[in-house]
Amino acid sequence: MHEMSLAMSVLQIVEDAARAQSFQRVRLVQLEIGALAAVEAEAMRFCFAAVSRGTLAEGATLEVIEVPGQGLCFNCNMTVPLAALYDPCPACGGHPVQATGGTEMRVKELEVE
């Protein structure tokens, strides 16, 4: 389960921000996860709750914002919605479609005390 290592990385980002901005507690972490990023939101919430025990983020809500997949079709040169990596273009049925959005994961916002 790679979500555990991802949750640890998110916690590191939160702790680094706390040191830089001198806050004591985190109440909310907004996390953008792309639909094509191969990250399960529920597993991420579970892992974040586990790794944040005993830290300034203990008890914080992990709010996941799903970013839709998007790609550029090299066949018809259109930007199209993409449900899965390596899917054909929904407009023309062609290949390849290069993912241009929805593969990322980033901490968008923190609500702190």
PDB file of N, CA and C in Angstrom:
ATOM      1  N   MET A   1       0.853  -1.175   0.000  1.00  0.00           N
ATOM      2  CA  MET A   1       0.000   0.000   0.000  1.00  0.00           C
ATOM      3  C   MET A   1       0.895   1.234   0.000  1.00  0.00           C
ATOM      4  N   HIS A   2       1.011   1.872  -1.163  1.00  0.00           N
ATOM      5  CA  HIS A   2       1.871   3.048  -1.261  1.00  0.00           C
ATOM      6  C   HIS A   2       1.248   4.278  -0.622  1.00  0.00           C
ATOM      7  N   GLU A   3      -0.036   4.225  -0.270  1.00  0.00           N
ATOM      8  CA  GLU A   3      -0.665   5.362   0.396  1.00  0.00           C
ATOM      9  C   GLU A   3      -0.005   5.673   1.734  1.00  0.00           C
ATOM     10  N   MET A   4       0.559   4.671   2.397  1.00  0.00           N
ATOM     11  CA  MET A   4       1.228   4.921   3.685  1.00  0.00           C
ATOM     12  C   MET A   4       2.431   5.838   3.480  1.00  0.00           C
ATOM     13  N   SER A   5       3.250   5.552   2.490  1.00  0.00           N
ATOM     14  CA  SER A   5       4.408   6.424   2.257  1.00  0.00           C
ATOM     15  C   SER A   5       3.963   7.800   1.763  1.00  0.00           C
ATOM     16  N   LEU A   6       2.883   7.854   0.994  1.00  0.00           N
ATOM     17  CA  LEU A   6       2.359   9.154   0.560  1.00  0.00           C
ATOM     18  C   LEU A   6       1.835   9.952   1.753  1.00  0.00           C
ATOM     19  N   ALA A   7       1.137   9.282   2.677  1.00  0.00           N
ATOM     20  CA  ALA A   7       0.639   9.955   3.880  1.00  0.00           C
ATOM     21  C   ALA A   7       1.796  10.486   4.724  1.00  0.00           C
ATOM     22  N   MET A   8       2.865   9.724   4.797  1.00  0.00           N
ATOM     23  CA  MET A   8       4.045  10.188   5.542  1.00  0.00           C
ATOM     24  C   MET A   8       4.637  11.430   4.877  1.00  0.00           C
ATOM     25  N   SER A   9       4.635  11.461   3.558  1.00  0.00           N
ATOM     26  CA  SER A   9       5.146  12.640   2.838  1.00  0.00           C
ATOM     27  C   SER A   9       4.251  13.854   3.064  1.00  0.00           C
ATOM     28  N   VAL A  10       2.935  13.649   3.068  1.00  0.00           N
ATOM     29  CA  VAL A  10       2.010  14.751   3.338  1.00  0.00           C
ATOM     30  C   VAL A  10       2.249  15.291   4.745  1.00  0.00           C
ATOM     31  N   LEU A  11       2.409  14.394   5.711  1.00  0.00           N
ATOM     32  CA  LEU A  11       2.684  14.827   7.084  1.00  0.00           C
ATOM     33  C   LEU A  11       3.987  15.620   7.147  1.00  0.00           C
ATOM     34  N   GLN A  12       4.990  15.218   6.413  1.00  0.00           N
ATOM     35  CA  GLN A  12       6.266  15.952   6.383  1.00  0.00           C
ATOM     36  C   GLN A  12       6.063  17.363   5.837  1.00  0.00           C
ATOM     37  N   ILE A  13       5.243  17.498   4.798  1.00  0.00           N
ATOM     38  CA  ILE A  13       4.935  18.813   4.238  1.00  0.00           C
ATOM     39  C   ILE A  13       4.250  19.682   5.295  1.00  0.00           C
ATOM     40  N   VAL A  14       3.300  19.089   6.020  1.00  0.00           N
ATOM     41  CA  VAL A  14       2.583  19.815   7.071  1.00  0.00           C
ATOM     42  C   VAL A  14       3.547  20.248   8.172  1.00  0.00           C
ATOM     43  N   GLU A  15       4.414  19.350   8.604  1.00  0.00           N
ATOM     44  CA  GLU A  15       5.370  19.684   9.666  1.00  0.00           C
ATOM     45  C   GLU A  15       6.362  20.744   9.208  1.00  0.00           C
ATOM     46  N   ASP A  16       6.803  20.679   7.958  1.00  0.00           N
ATOM     47  CA  ASP A  16       7.708  21.701   7.422  1.00  0.00           C
ATOM     48  C   ASP A  16       7.017  23.065   7.398  1.00  0.00           C
ATOM     49  N   ALA A  17       5.746  23.083   6.997  1.00  0.00           N
ATOM     50  CA  ALA A  17       4.990  24.339   6.985  1.00  0.00           C
ATOM     51  C   ALA A  17       4.819  24.883   8.393  1.00  0.00           C
ATOM     52  N   ALA A  18       4.609  23.995   9.366  1.00  0.00           N
ATOM     53  CA  ALA A  18       4.454  24.424  10.764  1.00  0.00           C
ATOM     54  C   ALA A  18       5.731  25.084  11.267  1.00  0.00           C
ATOM     55  N   ARG A  19       6.872  24.510  10.933  1.00  0.00           N
ATOM     56  CA  ARG A  19       8.143  25.114  11.352  1.00  0.00           C
ATOM     57  C   ARG A  19       8.345  26.474  10.681  1.00  0.00           C
ATOM     58  N   ALA A  20       8.041  26.555   9.405  1.00  0.00           N
ATOM     59  CA  ALA A  20       8.263  27.794   8.657  1.00  0.00           C
ATOM     60  C   ALA A  20       7.296  28.899   9.062  1.00  0.00           C
ATOM     61  N   GLN A  21       6.057  28.520   9.427  1.00  0.00           N
ATOM     62  CA  GLN A  21       5.036  29.530   9.681  1.00  0.00           C
ATOM     63  C   GLN A  21       4.598  29.594  11.145  1.00  0.00           C
ATOM     64  N   SER A  22       5.235  28.823  11.976  1.00  0.00           N
ATOM     65  CA  SER A  22       5.019  28.845  13.431  1.00  0.00           C
ATOM     66  C   SER A  22       3.578  28.618  13.872  1.00  0.00           C
ATOM     67  N   PHE A  23       2.934  27.606  13.337  1.00  0.00           N
ATOM     68  CA  PHE A  23       1.623  27.243  13.873  1.00  0.00           C
ATOM     69  C   PHE A  23       1.759  25.972  14.696  1.00  0.00           C
ATOM     70  N   GLN A  24       0.793  25.759  15.588  1.00  0.00           N
ATOM     71  CA  GLN A  24       0.888  24.684  16.577  1.00  0.00           C
ATOM     72  C   GLN A  24       0.014  23.480  16.269  1.00  0.00           C
ATOM     73  N   ARG A  25      -1.054  23.689  15.514  1.00  0.00           N
ATOM     74  CA  ARG A  25      -2.035  22.628  15.314  1.00  0.00           C
ATOM     75  C   ARG A  25      -2.637  22.738  13.916  1.00  0.00           C
ATOM     76  N   VAL A  26      -2.926  21.591  13.334  1.00  0.00           N
ATOM     77  CA  VAL A  26      -3.581  21.543  12.026  1.00  0.00           C
ATOM     78  C   VAL A  26      -4.971  20.956  12.221  1.00  0.00           C
ATOM     79  N   ARG A  27      -5.962  21.646  11.685  1.00  0.00           N
ATOM     80  CA  ARG A  27      -7.345  21.171  11.802  1.00  0.00           C
ATOM     81  C   ARG A  27      -7.821  20.511  10.511  1.00  0.00           C
ATOM     82  N   LEU A  28      -7.315  20.978   9.362  1.00  0.00           N
ATOM     83  CA  LEU A  28      -7.768  20.487   8.069  1.00  0.00           C
ATOM     84  C   LEU A  28      -6.620  20.475   7.079  1.00  0.00           C
ATOM     85  N   VAL A  29      -6.516  19.403   6.332  1.00  0.00           N
ATOM     86  CA  VAL A  29      -5.565  19.317   5.225  1.00  0.00           C
ATOM     87  C   VAL A  29      -6.381  19.060   3.968  1.00  0.00           C
ATOM     88  N   GLN A  30      -6.319  19.995   3.016  1.00  0.00           N
ATOM     89  CA  GLN A  30      -6.967  19.784   1.729  1.00  0.00           C
ATOM     90  C   GLN A  30      -5.931  19.208   0.778  1.00  0.00           C
ATOM     91  N   LEU A  31      -6.278  18.068   0.215  1.00  0.00           N
ATOM     92  CA  LEU A  31      -5.355  17.342  -0.646  1.00  0.00           C
ATOM     93  C   LEU A  31      -6.009  17.113  -1.995  1.00  0.00           C
ATOM     94  N   GLU A  32      -5.397  17.606  -3.047  1.00  0.00           N
ATOM     95  CA  GLU A  32      -5.881  17.338  -4.399  1.00  0.00           C
ATOM     96  C   GLU A  32      -5.245  16.043  -4.886  1.00  0.00           C
ATOM     97  N   ILE A  33      -6.092  15.129  -5.349  1.00  0.00           N
ATOM     98  CA  ILE A  33      -5.603  13.864  -5.888  1.00  0.00           C
ATOM     99  C   ILE A  33      -6.204  13.683  -7.272  1.00  0.00           C
ATOM    100  N   GLY A  34      -5.365  13.535  -8.253  1.00  0.00           N
ATOM    101  CA  GLY A  34      -5.821  13.324  -9.618  1.00  0.00           C
ATOM    102  C   GLY A  34      -6.465  11.960  -9.788  1.00  0.00           C
ATOM    103  N   ALA A  35      -7.484  11.916 -10.644  1.00  0.00           N
ATOM    104  CA  ALA A  35      -8.194  10.664 -10.909  1.00  0.00           C
ATOM    105  C   ALA A  35      -7.274   9.609 -11.528  1.00  0.00           C
ATOM    106  N   LEU A  36      -6.182  10.039 -12.128  1.00  0.00           N
ATOM    107  CA  LEU A  36      -5.244   9.121 -12.776  1.00  0.00           C
ATOM    108  C   LEU A  36      -3.995   8.870 -11.927  1.00  0.00           C
ATOM    109  N   ALA A  37      -4.000   9.323 -10.680  1.00  0.00           N
ATOM    110  CA  ALA A  37      -2.809   9.246  -9.830  1.00  0.00           C
ATOM    111  C   ALA A  37      -2.629   7.902  -9.141  1.00  0.00           C
ATOM    112  N   ALA A  38      -3.588   7.002  -9.272  1.00  0.00           N
ATOM    113  CA  ALA A  38      -3.516   5.666  -8.656  1.00  0.00           C
ATOM    114  C   ALA A  38      -3.398   5.743  -7.137  1.00  0.00           C
ATOM    115  N   VAL A  39      -4.163   6.671  -6.541  1.00  0.00           N
ATOM    116  CA  VAL A  39      -4.194   6.826  -5.093  1.00  0.00           C
ATOM    117  C   VAL A  39      -5.646   6.673  -4.649  1.00  0.00           C
ATOM    118  N   GLU A  40      -5.880   5.756  -3.742  1.00  0.00           N
ATOM    119  CA  GLU A  40      -7.225   5.534  -3.209  1.00  0.00           C
ATOM    120  C   GLU A  40      -7.485   6.526  -2.070  1.00  0.00           C
ATOM    121  N   ALA A  41      -8.533   7.327  -2.211  1.00  0.00           N
ATOM    122  CA  ALA A  41      -8.824   8.378  -1.231  1.00  0.00           C
ATOM    123  C   ALA A  41      -9.075   7.803   0.163  1.00  0.00           C
ATOM    124  N   GLU A  42      -9.842   6.739   0.279  1.00  0.00           N
ATOM    125  CA  GLU A  42     -10.141   6.166   1.601  1.00  0.00           C
ATOM    126  C   GLU A  42      -8.883   5.588   2.248  1.00  0.00           C
ATOM    127  N   ALA A  43      -8.056   4.931   1.463  1.00  0.00           N
ATOM    128  CA  ALA A  43      -6.794   4.402   1.999  1.00  0.00           C
ATOM    129  C   ALA A  43      -5.892   5.550   2.455  1.00  0.00           C
ATOM    130  N   MET A  44      -5.912   6.649   1.704  1.00  0.00           N
ATOM    131  CA  MET A  44      -5.102   7.814   2.074  1.00  0.00           C
ATOM    132  C   MET A  44      -5.587   8.409   3.391  1.00  0.00           C
ATOM    133  N   ARG A  45      -6.910   8.504   3.575  1.00  0.00           N
ATOM    134  CA  ARG A  45      -7.458   9.026   4.834  1.00  0.00           C
ATOM    135  C   ARG A  45      -7.050   8.134   6.007  1.00  0.00           C
ATOM    136  N   PHE A  46      -7.174   6.831   5.824  1.00  0.00           N
ATOM    137  CA  PHE A  46      -6.811   5.877   6.873  1.00  0.00           C
ATOM    138  C   PHE A  46      -5.330   6.006   7.230  1.00  0.00           C
ATOM    139  N   CYS A  47      -4.484   6.038   6.229  1.00  0.00           N
ATOM    140  CA  CYS A  47      -3.042   6.116   6.466  1.00  0.00           C
ATOM    141  C   CYS A  47      -2.643   7.445   7.099  1.00  0.00           C
ATOM    142  N   PHE A  48      -3.276   8.537   6.658  1.00  0.00           N
ATOM    143  CA  PHE A  48      -2.959   9.834   7.247  1.00  0.00           C
ATOM    144  C   PHE A  48      -3.334   9.864   8.720  1.00  0.00           C
ATOM    145  N   ALA A  49      -4.494   9.305   9.052  1.00  0.00           N
ATOM    146  CA  ALA A  49      -4.908   9.242  10.461  1.00  0.00           C
ATOM    147  C   ALA A  49      -3.898   8.434  11.274  1.00  0.00           C
ATOM    148  N   ALA A  50      -3.370   7.364  10.704  1.00  0.00           N
ATOM    149  CA  ALA A  50      -2.409   6.521  11.412  1.00  0.00           C
ATOM    150  C   ALA A  50      -1.069   7.230  11.617  1.00  0.00           C
ATOM    151  N   VAL A  51      -0.537   7.866  10.570  1.00  0.00           N
ATOM    152  CA  VAL A  51       0.787   8.485  10.691  1.00  0.00           C
ATOM    153  C   VAL A  51       0.755   9.795  11.460  1.00  0.00           C
ATOM    154  N   SER A  52      -0.430  10.422  11.568  1.00  0.00           N
ATOM    155  CA  SER A  52      -0.485  11.718  12.252  1.00  0.00           C
ATOM    156  C   SER A  52      -0.704  11.593  13.758  1.00  0.00           C
ATOM    157  N   ARG A  53      -0.889  10.374  14.260  1.00  0.00           N
ATOM    158  CA  ARG A  53      -1.054  10.208  15.716  1.00  0.00           C
ATOM    159  C   ARG A  53       0.175  10.742  16.451  1.00  0.00           C
ATOM    160  N   GLY A  54      -0.083  11.530  17.492  1.00  0.00           N
ATOM    161  CA  GLY A  54       1.005  12.076  18.289  1.00  0.00           C
ATOM    162  C   GLY A  54       1.716  13.249  17.644  1.00  0.00           C
ATOM    163  N   THR A  55       1.164  13.806  16.557  1.00  0.00           N
ATOM    164  CA  THR A  55       1.772  14.953  15.878  1.00  0.00           C
ATOM    165  C   THR A  55       0.827  16.141  15.928  1.00  0.00           C
ATOM    166  N   LEU A  56       1.268  17.272  15.411  1.00  0.00           N
ATOM    167  CA  LEU A  56       0.421  18.458  15.371  1.00  0.00           C
ATOM    168  C   LEU A  56      -0.778  18.284  14.444  1.00  0.00           C
ATOM    169  N   ALA A  57      -0.788  17.224  13.649  1.00  0.00           N
ATOM    170  CA  ALA A  57      -1.900  16.962  12.734  1.00  0.00           C
ATOM    171  C   ALA A  57      -2.852  15.885  13.254  1.00  0.00           C
ATOM    172  N   GLU A  58      -2.618  15.410  14.476  1.00  0.00           N
ATOM    173  CA  GLU A  58      -3.495  14.371  15.024  1.00  0.00           C
ATOM    174  C   GLU A  58      -4.924  14.894  15.089  1.00  0.00           C
ATOM    175  N   GLY A  59      -5.856  14.121  14.566  1.00  0.00           N
ATOM    176  CA  GLY A  59      -7.263  14.503  14.569  1.00  0.00           C
ATOM    177  C   GLY A  59      -7.671  15.427  13.437  1.00  0.00           C
ATOM    178  N   ALA A  60      -6.710  15.846  12.618  1.00  0.00           N
ATOM    179  CA  ALA A  60      -7.032  16.739  11.503  1.00  0.00           C
ATOM    180  C   ALA A  60      -7.865  15.986  10.461  1.00  0.00           C
ATOM    181  N   THR A  61      -8.749  16.714   9.828  1.00  0.00           N
ATOM    182  CA  THR A  61      -9.545  16.158   8.737  1.00  0.00           C
ATOM    183  C   THR A  61      -8.723  16.214   7.457  1.00  0.00           C
ATOM    184  N   LEU A  62      -8.691  15.098   6.740  1.00  0.00           N
ATOM    185  CA  LEU A  62      -8.045  15.070   5.429  1.00  0.00           C
ATOM    186  C   LEU A  62      -9.154  15.145   4.391  1.00  0.00           C
ATOM    187  N   GLU A  63      -9.273  16.303   3.767  1.00  0.00           N
ATOM    188  CA  GLU A  63     -10.299  16.521   2.740  1.00  0.00           C
ATOM    189  C   GLU A  63      -9.672  16.273   1.374  1.00  0.00           C
ATOM    190  N   VAL A  64     -10.235  15.314   0.651  1.00  0.00           N
ATOM    191  CA  VAL A  64      -9.697  14.955  -0.659  1.00  0.00           C
ATOM    192  C   VAL A  64     -10.543  15.613  -1.744  1.00  0.00           C
ATOM    193  N   ILE A  65      -9.877  16.341  -2.612  1.00  0.00           N
ATOM    194  CA  ILE A  65     -10.513  16.973  -3.770  1.00  0.00           C
ATOM    195  C   ILE A  65     -10.025  16.209  -5.001  1.00  0.00           C
ATOM    196  N   GLU A  66     -10.954  15.577  -5.710  1.00  0.00           N
ATOM    197  CA  GLU A  66     -10.557  14.798  -6.881  1.00  0.00           C
ATOM    198  C   GLU A  66     -10.420  15.703  -8.100  1.00  0.00           C
ATOM    199  N   VAL A  67      -9.272  15.588  -8.756  1.00  0.00           N
ATOM    200  CA  VAL A  67      -8.993  16.336  -9.975  1.00  0.00           C
ATOM    201  C   VAL A  67      -9.252  15.392 -11.149  1.00  0.00           C
ATOM    202  N   PRO A  68     -10.130  15.777 -12.077  1.00  0.00           N
ATOM    203  CA  PRO A  68     -10.457  14.866 -13.173  1.00  0.00           C
ATOM    204  C   PRO A  68      -9.269  14.641 -14.111  1.00  0.00           C
ATOM    205  N   GLY A  69      -9.285  13.463 -14.736  1.00  0.00           N
ATOM    206  CA  GLY A  69      -8.252  13.144 -15.720  1.00  0.00           C
ATOM    207  C   GLY A  69      -8.492  13.901 -17.019  1.00  0.00           C
ATOM    208  N   GLN A  70      -7.403  14.259 -17.660  1.00  0.00           N
ATOM    209  CA  GLN A  70      -7.468  15.002 -18.913  1.00  0.00           C
ATOM    210  C   GLN A  70      -6.284  14.581 -19.761  1.00  0.00           C
ATOM    211  N   GLY A  71      -6.453  14.564 -21.077  1.00  0.00           N
ATOM    212  CA  GLY A  71      -5.354  14.169 -21.938  1.00  0.00           C
ATOM    213  C   GLY A  71      -5.395  14.865 -23.281  1.00  0.00           C
ATOM    214  N   LEU A  72      -4.274  14.801 -23.974  1.00  0.00           N
ATOM    215  CA  LEU A  72      -4.150  15.353 -25.322  1.00  0.00           C
ATOM    216  C   LEU A  72      -4.041  14.186 -26.281  1.00  0.00           C
ATOM    217  N   CYS A  73      -4.984  14.116 -27.216  1.00  0.00           N
ATOM    218  CA  CYS A  73      -4.976  13.050 -28.217  1.00  0.00           C
ATOM    219  C   CYS A  73      -4.032  13.458 -29.346  1.00  0.00           C
ATOM    220  N   PHE A  74      -3.066  12.602 -29.644  1.00  0.00           N
ATOM    221  CA  PHE A  74      -2.127  12.900 -30.721  1.00  0.00           C
ATOM    222  C   PHE A  74      -2.734  12.617 -32.090  1.00  0.00           C
ATOM    223  N   ASN A  75      -3.861  11.914 -32.116  1.00  0.00           N
ATOM    224  CA  ASN A  75      -4.524  11.582 -33.368  1.00  0.00           C
ATOM    225  C   ASN A  75      -5.374  12.746 -33.871  1.00  0.00           C
ATOM    226  N   CYS A  76      -6.258  13.282 -32.995  1.00  0.00           N
ATOM    227  CA  CYS A  76      -7.147  14.383 -33.415  1.00  0.00           C
ATOM    228  C   CYS A  76      -6.726  15.734 -32.838  1.00  0.00           C
ATOM    229  N   ASN A  77      -5.668  15.745 -32.017  1.00  0.00           N
ATOM    230  CA  ASN A  77      -5.111  16.966 -31.424  1.00  0.00           C
ATOM    231  C   ASN A  77      -6.116  17.714 -30.540  1.00  0.00           C
ATOM    232  N   MET A  78      -6.996  16.960 -29.864  1.00  0.00           N
ATOM    233  CA  MET A  78      -7.965  17.570 -28.951  1.00  0.00           C
ATOM    234  C   MET A  78      -7.589  17.259 -27.512  1.00  0.00           C
ATOM    235  N   THR A  79      -7.914  18.191 -26.618  1.00  0.00           N
ATOM    236  CA  THR A  79      -7.804  17.935 -25.183  1.00  0.00           C
ATOM    237  C   THR A  79      -9.132  17.328 -24.756  1.00  0.00           C
ATOM    238  N   VAL A  80      -9.044  16.137 -24.140  1.00  0.00           N
ATOM    239  CA  VAL A  80     -10.256  15.364 -23.841  1.00  0.00           C
ATOM    240  C   VAL A  80     -10.246  14.882 -22.397  1.00  0.00           C
ATOM    241  N   PRO A  81     -11.450  14.623 -21.841  1.00  0.00           N
ATOM    242  CA  PRO A  81     -11.489  13.989 -20.520  1.00  0.00           C
ATOM    243  C   PRO A  81     -10.950  12.571 -20.637  1.00  0.00           C
ATOM    244  N   LEU A  82     -10.233  12.136 -19.606  1.00  0.00           N
ATOM    245  CA  LEU A  82      -9.591  10.821 -19.646  1.00  0.00           C
ATOM    246  C   LEU A  82      -9.940  10.068 -18.369  1.00  0.00           C
ATOM    247  N   ALA A  83     -10.604   8.924 -18.527  1.00  0.00           N
ATOM    248  CA  ALA A  83     -11.047   8.144 -17.372  1.00  0.00           C
ATOM    249  C   ALA A  83      -9.931   7.268 -16.815  1.00  0.00           C
ATOM    250  N   ALA A  84      -9.026   6.804 -17.658  1.00  0.00           N
ATOM    251  CA  ALA A  84      -7.929   5.937 -17.219  1.00  0.00           C
ATOM    252  C   ALA A  84      -6.744   6.132 -18.153  1.00  0.00           C
ATOM    253  N   LEU A  85      -5.554   5.961 -17.611  1.00  0.00           N
ATOM    254  CA  LEU A  85      -4.357   6.025 -18.441  1.00  0.00           C
ATOM    255  C   LEU A  85      -4.448   4.959 -19.528  1.00  0.00           C
ATOM    256  N   TYR A  86      -3.972   5.275 -20.710  1.00  0.00           N
ATOM    257  CA  TYR A  86      -3.920   4.367 -21.857  1.00  0.00           C
ATOM    258  C   TYR A  86      -5.281   4.089 -22.471  1.00  0.00           C
ATOM    259  N   ASP A  87      -6.337   4.795 -22.026  1.00  0.00           N
ATOM    260  CA  ASP A  87      -7.630   4.685 -22.696  1.00  0.00           C
ATOM    261  C   ASP A  87      -7.535   5.348 -24.068  1.00  0.00           C
ATOM    262  N   PRO A  88      -8.379   4.907 -25.007  1.00  0.00           N
ATOM    263  CA  PRO A  88      -8.423   5.598 -26.297  1.00  0.00           C
ATOM    264  C   PRO A  88      -9.088   6.963 -26.146  1.00  0.00           C
ATOM    265  N   CYS A  89      -8.908   7.789 -27.127  1.00  0.00           N
ATOM    266  CA  CYS A  89      -9.523   9.115 -27.139  1.00  0.00           C
ATOM    267  C   CYS A  89     -11.043   8.956 -27.202  1.00  0.00           C
ATOM    268  N   PRO A  90     -11.773   9.611 -26.287  1.00  0.00           N
ATOM    269  CA  PRO A  90     -13.228   9.511 -26.336  1.00  0.00           C
ATOM    270  C   PRO A  90     -13.842  10.258 -27.530  1.00  0.00           C
ATOM    271  N   ALA A  91     -13.079  11.134 -28.167  1.00  0.00           N
ATOM    272  CA  ALA A  91     -13.601  11.902 -29.305  1.00  0.00           C
ATOM    273  C   ALA A  91     -13.443  11.141 -30.621  1.00  0.00           C
ATOM    274  N   CYS A  92     -12.259  10.557 -30.837  1.00  0.00           N
ATOM    275  CA  CYS A  92     -12.011   9.907 -32.135  1.00  0.00           C
ATOM    276  C   CYS A  92     -11.677   8.422 -32.020  1.00  0.00           C
ATOM    277  N   GLY A  93     -11.456   7.931 -30.804  1.00  0.00           N
ATOM    278  CA  GLY A  93     -11.113   6.524 -30.617  1.00  0.00           C
ATOM    279  C   GLY A  93      -9.650   6.214 -30.851  1.00  0.00           C
ATOM    280  N   GLY A  94      -8.873   7.244 -31.129  1.00  0.00           N
ATOM    281  CA  GLY A  94      -7.467   7.051 -31.479  1.00  0.00           C
ATOM    282  C   GLY A  94      -6.537   6.928 -30.284  1.00  0.00           C
ATOM    283  N   HIS A  95      -5.295   6.584 -30.609  1.00  0.00           N
ATOM    284  CA  HIS A  95      -4.187   6.485 -29.649  1.00  0.00           C
ATOM    285  C   HIS A  95      -3.008   7.226 -30.237  1.00  0.00           C
ATOM    286  N   PRO A  96      -2.042   7.639 -29.492  1.00  0.00           N
ATOM    287  CA  PRO A  96      -2.018   7.693 -28.039  1.00  0.00           C
ATOM    288  C   PRO A  96      -2.678   8.962 -27.514  1.00  0.00           C
ATOM    289  N   VAL A  97      -3.077   8.892 -26.258  1.00  0.00           N
ATOM    290  CA  VAL A  97      -3.589  10.064 -25.540  1.00  0.00           C
ATOM    291  C   VAL A  97      -2.645  10.278 -24.364  1.00  0.00           C
ATOM    292  N   GLN A  98      -1.972  11.405 -24.366  1.00  0.00           N
ATOM    293  CA  GLN A  98      -1.026  11.725 -23.295  1.00  0.00           C
ATOM    294  C   GLN A  98      -1.757  12.445 -22.174  1.00  0.00           C
ATOM    295  N   ALA A  99      -1.640  11.923 -20.960  1.00  0.00           N
ATOM    296  CA  ALA A  99      -2.267  12.550 -19.800  1.00  0.00           C
ATOM    297  C   ALA A  99      -1.656  13.931 -19.576  1.00  0.00           C
ATOM    298  N   THR A 100      -2.535  14.935 -19.444  1.00  0.00           N
ATOM    299  CA  THR A 100      -2.081  16.306 -19.185  1.00  0.00           C
ATOM    300  C   THR A 100      -2.638  16.847 -17.874  1.00  0.00           C
ATOM    301  N   GLY A 101      -3.507  16.090 -17.226  1.00  0.00           N
ATOM    302  CA  GLY A 101      -4.075  16.497 -15.950  1.00  0.00           C
ATOM    303  C   GLY A 101      -4.670  15.305 -15.237  1.00  0.00           C
ATOM    304  N   GLY A 102      -4.718  15.396 -13.922  1.00  0.00           N
ATOM    305  CA  GLY A 102      -5.295  14.321 -13.141  1.00  0.00           C
ATOM    306  C   GLY A 102      -4.307  13.274 -12.679  1.00  0.00           C
ATOM    307  N   THR A 103      -3.012  13.513 -12.886  1.00  0.00           N
ATOM    308  CA  THR A 103      -1.995  12.561 -12.430  1.00  0.00           C
ATOM    309  C   THR A 103      -1.307  13.045 -11.160  1.00  0.00           C
ATOM    310  N   GLU A 104      -1.635  14.247 -10.721  1.00  0.00           N
ATOM    311  CA  GLU A 104      -0.927  14.884  -9.610  1.00  0.00           C
ATOM    312  C   GLU A 104      -1.573  14.591  -8.260  1.00  0.00           C
ATOM    313  N   MET A 105      -0.795  14.857  -7.234  1.00  0.00           N
ATOM    314  CA  MET A 105      -1.283  14.869  -5.864  1.00  0.00           C
ATOM    315  C   MET A 105      -0.541  16.001  -5.165  1.00  0.00           C
ATOM    316  N   ARG A 106      -1.300  16.914  -4.541  1.00  0.00           N
ATOM    317  CA  ARG A 106      -0.641  18.035  -3.874  1.00  0.00           C
ATOM    318  C   ARG A 106      -1.470  18.520  -2.693  1.00  0.00           C
ATOM    319  N   VAL A 107      -0.770  19.046  -1.705  1.00  0.00           N
ATOM    320  CA  VAL A 107      -1.439  19.683  -0.576  1.00  0.00           C
ATOM    321  C   VAL A 107      -1.872  21.054  -1.077  1.00  0.00           C
ATOM    322  N   LYS A 108      -3.171  21.280  -1.070  1.00  0.00           N
ATOM    323  CA  LYS A 108      -3.716  22.544  -1.584  1.00  0.00           C
ATOM    324  C   LYS A 108      -3.799  23.604  -0.505  1.00  0.00           C
ATOM    325  N   GLU A 109      -4.266  23.196   0.688  1.00  0.00           N
ATOM    326  CA  GLU A 109      -4.492  24.185   1.743  1.00  0.00           C
ATOM    327  C   GLU A 109      -4.453  23.524   3.112  1.00  0.00           C
ATOM    328  N   LEU A 110      -4.045  24.307   4.104  1.00  0.00           N
ATOM    329  CA  LEU A 110      -4.059  23.864   5.503  1.00  0.00           C
ATOM    330  C   LEU A 110      -4.889  24.840   6.315  1.00  0.00           C
ATOM    331  N   GLU A 111      -5.702  24.301   7.216  1.00  0.00           N
ATOM    332  CA  GLU A 111      -6.405  25.129   8.186  1.00  0.00           C
ATOM    333  C   GLU A 111      -5.703  24.883   9.520  1.00  0.00           C
ATOM    334  N   VAL A 112      -5.163  25.921  10.119  1.00  0.00           N
ATOM    335  CA  VAL A 112      -4.283  25.765  11.272  1.00  0.00           C
ATOM    336  C   VAL A 112      -4.730  26.645  12.432  1.00  0.00           C
ATOM    337  N   GLU A 113      -4.167  26.368  13.610  1.00  0.00           N
ATOM    338  CA  GLU A 113      -4.380  27.185  14.819  1.00  0.00           C
ATOM    339  C   GLU A 113      -3.040  27.738  15.257  1.00  0.00           C
TER     340      GLU A 113
END
